[in-house]
Amino acid sequence: MNKPKGKISVGLIDDEENIRLTVGASLNFEDDIVCDQSFGTCETALHELKEGHHCLDVILLDIGLPGMNGLEGIKRLKQLSPSTKIVMMTVDEKRPEYPSSLADGASGYIVKGASFTGQYVAHAVREVDKEGIFLDPGISKKVVEMLKSASSPARDYGLTEREKEVLGLIVEGFWLEEIGKKLNITYNTAASHYKSICSKLDVHDKGQLVRRAILDHLI
C-alpha cells in the first residue's frame, strides 16, 4: 500500500480500541500525517507487514501488549521493516528498559499520561520523522539519571568538557537555541559544538547522536 504523497504514514499498535480510534482520528486531522493502519496486537501487525500490505514511516507501539509485548515486538518489527521508525508508548516514566529498547531500534518514547493528546503525539511523530528521535521530557531526564548512576565506563570519543555539556542537553531534549542560552554561548557556537560531536561520534543526525550517547554512556 502506497502512502499519500507528502504525508507521514503512521501505524498504531495498541490493545485498547479507544486509544486506537482517538489517536488515529486526531492524527488524521493533521495535514501532514495519515494514520489508517492500526492493530490490537504485535502478532497481527507483524503478519500484515510480512505480507507487504503496508508501507509505514512511523509505528506507535504500546509496551504493555497482551501476548507479544512491545519490548519483544520491536526487534521483529525492525527486522521486517528496518527503515520504519518505532516510538514506544508507556504509562510508566520510570521503566528501566529505555536504553536496551533504544539499542533494539526504538526511535523514541511517549508517555500515555496527562499530556497524551493528539497534538503531543503528532509532535512526536514529526520529530521522529525529521530528527530520528523523540523522548518525552520526563523520560529523557530519567534516561540521563540512569546513565549518570550507571557503573559502566563511558567510551572515549575525545569529547571536550563543553561538548559533553552540549551533548547532555541534547539528550535531555533541548534545542540548540536553548542550549546556547543555558550555556551563555551563541547559537553558532552551539551548532559548531553539535557538528564537532557528530563528527567525533561518526553519526549523521540527532537520532543517531542521542542513541550513541545513551548506549555508550557518554553523559
Protein backbone atom coordinates (compact mmCIF):
# COMPACT_ATOMS: atom_id res chain seq x y z
CA MET A 1 0.00 0.00 0.00
CA ASN A 2 1.45 3.38 -1.03
CA LYS A 3 1.24 6.27 1.37
CA PRO A 4 -0.34 9.58 0.32
CA LYS A 5 2.32 11.80 -1.26
CA GLY A 6 3.97 14.21 1.17
CA LYS A 7 2.41 12.71 4.30
CA ILE A 8 4.00 10.81 7.16
CA SER A 9 2.41 7.36 7.25
CA VAL A 10 1.76 6.10 10.77
CA GLY A 11 0.71 2.74 12.16
CA LEU A 12 -0.61 2.24 15.68
CA ILE A 13 -0.30 -0.92 17.78
CA ASP A 14 -2.31 -0.82 21.00
CA ASP A 15 -4.70 -3.32 22.55
CA GLU A 16 -7.06 -0.55 23.73
CA GLU A 17 -9.54 0.14 20.95
CA ASN A 18 -10.40 3.57 22.35
CA ILE A 19 -6.76 4.68 22.05
CA ARG A 20 -6.51 3.32 18.51
CA LEU A 21 -9.63 5.21 17.48
CA THR A 22 -8.98 8.52 19.24
CA VAL A 23 -5.26 8.78 18.47
CA GLY A 24 -5.80 7.68 14.89
CA ALA A 25 -8.59 10.20 14.38
CA SER A 26 -6.51 13.01 15.92
CA LEU A 27 -3.53 12.26 13.69
CA ASN A 28 -5.72 12.19 10.61
CA PHE A 29 -6.78 15.78 11.33
CA GLU A 30 -3.16 16.82 10.67
CA ASP A 31 -2.33 17.96 7.15
CA ASP A 32 0.99 16.13 7.01
CA ILE A 33 0.13 12.83 8.76
CA VAL A 34 -2.01 9.86 7.84
CA CYS A 35 -2.82 7.06 10.29
CA ASP A 36 -5.04 4.47 8.65
CA GLN A 37 -3.38 1.31 9.92
CA SER A 38 -3.99 0.14 13.48
CA PHE A 39 -3.55 -3.22 15.14
CA GLY A 40 -4.53 -4.68 18.50
CA THR A 41 -1.51 -6.97 18.81
CA CYS A 42 2.08 -7.22 17.64
CA GLU A 43 1.29 -10.56 16.06
CA THR A 44 -1.34 -9.02 13.77
CA ALA A 45 0.93 -6.13 12.83
CA LEU A 46 3.82 -8.47 12.04
CA HIS A 47 1.60 -10.61 9.84
CA GLU A 48 0.35 -7.60 7.88
CA LEU A 49 3.84 -6.14 7.45
CA LYS A 50 5.23 -9.51 6.42
CA GLU A 51 2.58 -9.76 3.73
CA GLY A 52 3.79 -6.40 2.44
CA HIS A 53 0.41 -4.73 2.75
CA HIS A 54 1.67 -1.58 4.43
CA CYS A 55 4.47 0.94 3.99
CA LEU A 56 4.85 2.86 7.25
CA ASP A 57 7.21 5.68 8.19
CA VAL A 58 6.43 5.53 11.91
CA ILE A 59 4.87 2.93 14.21
CA LEU A 60 3.47 3.88 17.62
CA LEU A 61 3.95 0.74 19.71
CA ASP A 62 2.47 0.17 23.16
CA ILE A 63 4.80 -1.62 25.57
CA GLY A 64 2.17 -3.45 27.66
CA LEU A 65 0.51 -5.54 24.96
CA PRO A 66 -1.01 -8.96 25.61
CA GLY A 67 0.83 -11.85 24.00
CA MET A 68 3.99 -10.45 22.41
CA ASN A 69 4.64 -7.21 24.26
CA GLY A 70 6.19 -4.14 22.70
CA LEU A 71 9.67 -4.83 24.02
CA GLU A 72 9.64 -8.21 22.31
CA GLY A 73 7.87 -6.96 19.22
CA ILE A 74 10.25 -4.12 18.39
CA LYS A 75 13.03 -6.50 17.34
CA ARG A 76 10.70 -8.37 14.98
CA LEU A 77 9.24 -5.19 13.55
CA LYS A 78 12.68 -3.74 12.82
CA GLN A 79 13.71 -6.97 11.13
CA LEU A 80 10.70 -6.77 8.83
CA SER A 81 10.91 -3.04 8.17
CA PRO A 82 14.31 -1.58 9.15
CA SER A 83 13.52 1.90 7.83
CA THR A 84 10.33 2.27 9.89
CA LYS A 85 10.85 4.38 12.99
CA ILE A 86 9.24 2.97 16.13
CA VAL A 87 8.02 5.08 19.04
CA MET A 88 7.28 3.20 22.24
CA MET A 89 4.22 4.18 24.28
CA THR A 90 4.31 3.67 28.04
CA VAL A 91 2.31 4.61 31.12
CA ASP A 92 5.41 4.45 33.33
CA GLU A 93 8.16 7.10 33.11
CA LYS A 94 10.42 5.07 35.41
CA ARG A 95 10.82 1.92 33.30
CA PRO A 96 14.42 0.63 33.27
CA GLU A 97 14.26 -0.70 29.68
CA TYR A 98 14.83 2.59 27.88
CA PRO A 99 18.50 2.09 26.93
CA SER A 100 18.00 -1.53 25.84
CA SER A 101 14.94 -0.76 23.72
CA LEU A 102 16.80 2.11 22.03
CA ALA A 103 19.54 -0.41 21.27
CA ASP A 104 16.91 -2.68 19.74
CA GLY A 105 15.82 0.07 17.38
CA ALA A 106 13.33 2.31 19.16
CA SER A 107 13.34 5.90 17.93
CA GLY A 108 11.66 7.32 20.98
CA TYR A 109 9.25 7.14 23.90
CA ILE A 110 6.00 8.90 24.65
CA VAL A 111 4.05 8.74 27.89
CA LYS A 112 0.35 7.88 27.99
CA GLY A 113 -0.39 10.39 30.72
CA ALA A 114 -1.98 13.80 31.11
CA SER A 115 -0.09 15.19 28.12
CA PHE A 116 -1.14 12.32 25.84
CA THR A 117 -3.10 14.45 23.39
CA GLY A 118 -3.39 14.45 19.62
CA GLN A 119 -1.05 17.44 19.39
CA TYR A 120 1.53 15.75 21.62
CA VAL A 121 1.50 12.55 19.56
CA ALA A 122 1.62 14.47 16.27
CA HIS A 123 4.61 16.44 17.55
CA ALA A 124 6.38 13.19 18.48
CA VAL A 125 5.67 11.72 15.04
CA ARG A 126 7.07 14.79 13.27
CA GLU A 127 10.17 14.87 15.46
CA VAL A 128 10.90 11.20 14.85
CA ASP A 129 10.33 11.56 11.12
CA LYS A 130 12.55 14.65 10.87
CA GLU A 131 15.17 14.24 13.60
CA GLY A 132 15.13 10.46 14.07
CA ILE A 133 14.39 10.67 17.80
CA PHE A 134 11.78 11.83 20.30
CA LEU A 135 11.96 11.34 24.04
CA ASP A 136 9.25 12.65 26.31
CA PRO A 137 10.90 15.29 28.54
CA GLY A 138 10.19 13.26 31.67
CA ILE A 139 11.73 10.17 30.12
CA SER A 140 14.81 11.97 28.82
CA LYS A 141 15.55 13.15 32.36
CA LYS A 142 15.14 9.60 33.67
CA VAL A 143 17.49 8.27 30.99
CA VAL A 144 20.13 10.85 31.92
CA GLU A 145 19.75 9.96 35.62
CA MET A 146 20.10 6.24 34.82
CA LEU A 147 23.26 6.79 32.80
CA LYS A 148 24.86 9.06 35.38
CA SER A 149 24.27 6.46 38.09
CA ALA A 150 25.41 3.52 35.93
CA SER A 151 28.74 1.85 36.70
CA SER A 152 29.56 1.05 33.06
CA PRO A 153 32.54 3.09 31.81
CA ALA A 154 31.93 5.58 29.03
CA ARG A 155 33.61 5.03 25.70
CA ASP A 156 36.20 7.70 24.99
CA TYR A 157 35.47 9.72 21.86
CA GLY A 158 37.72 12.61 22.83
CA LEU A 159 34.87 14.99 23.64
CA THR A 160 35.76 18.22 25.39
CA GLU A 161 34.02 19.14 28.62
CA ARG A 162 31.95 21.74 26.76
CA GLU A 163 30.95 19.17 24.14
CA LYS A 164 29.87 16.81 26.92
CA GLU A 165 27.71 19.60 28.35
CA VAL A 166 26.12 20.23 24.96
CA LEU A 167 25.57 16.52 24.37
CA GLY A 168 23.88 16.08 27.75
CA LEU A 169 21.46 18.92 27.00
CA ILE A 170 20.71 17.50 23.55
CA VAL A 171 19.82 14.14 25.13
CA GLU A 172 17.55 15.98 27.58
CA GLY A 173 15.66 17.37 24.61
CA PHE A 174 16.92 20.95 24.39
CA TRP A 175 17.25 22.71 21.03
CA LEU A 176 20.49 24.43 20.03
CA GLU A 177 18.94 27.86 20.64
CA GLU A 178 18.03 26.80 24.19
CA ILE A 179 21.45 25.24 24.74
CA GLY A 180 23.09 28.49 23.71
CA LYS A 181 21.09 30.41 26.29
CA LYS A 182 21.71 27.86 29.04
CA LEU A 183 25.47 27.82 28.46
CA ASN A 184 25.70 31.53 27.65
CA ILE A 185 27.08 30.90 24.17
CA THR A 186 25.82 31.92 20.75
CA TYR A 187 23.65 29.70 18.56
CA ASN A 188 26.51 29.41 16.06
CA THR A 189 28.86 28.23 18.79
CA ALA A 190 26.31 25.64 19.98
CA ALA A 191 25.83 24.50 16.38
CA SER A 192 29.60 24.23 15.95
CA HIS A 193 29.83 22.02 19.06
CA TYR A 194 26.98 19.88 17.70
CA LYS A 195 28.77 19.35 14.39
CA SER A 196 32.02 18.52 16.17
CA ILE A 197 30.27 15.97 18.41
CA CYS A 198 28.58 14.32 15.41
CA SER A 199 31.94 14.11 13.63
CA LYS A 200 33.72 12.55 16.62
CA LEU A 201 30.92 10.02 17.18
CA ASP A 202 30.58 9.35 13.43
CA VAL A 203 26.83 9.98 13.38
CA HIS A 204 24.77 11.95 10.90
CA ASP A 205 21.63 13.12 12.67
CA LYS A 206 20.20 13.88 16.08
CA GLY A 207 18.58 10.46 16.43
CA GLN A 208 21.85 8.62 15.87
CA LEU A 209 23.62 11.02 18.21
CA VAL A 210 21.20 10.53 21.11
CA ARG A 211 21.19 6.76 20.65
CA ARG A 212 25.00 6.62 20.63
CA ALA A 213 25.21 8.85 23.70
CA ILE A 214 22.85 6.57 25.61
CA LEU A 215 24.30 3.24 24.52
CA ASP A 216 27.92 4.30 25.08
CA HIS A 217 27.21 6.04 28.43
CA LEU A 218 28.54 9.38 27.24
CA ILE A 219 26.56 11.54 29.66
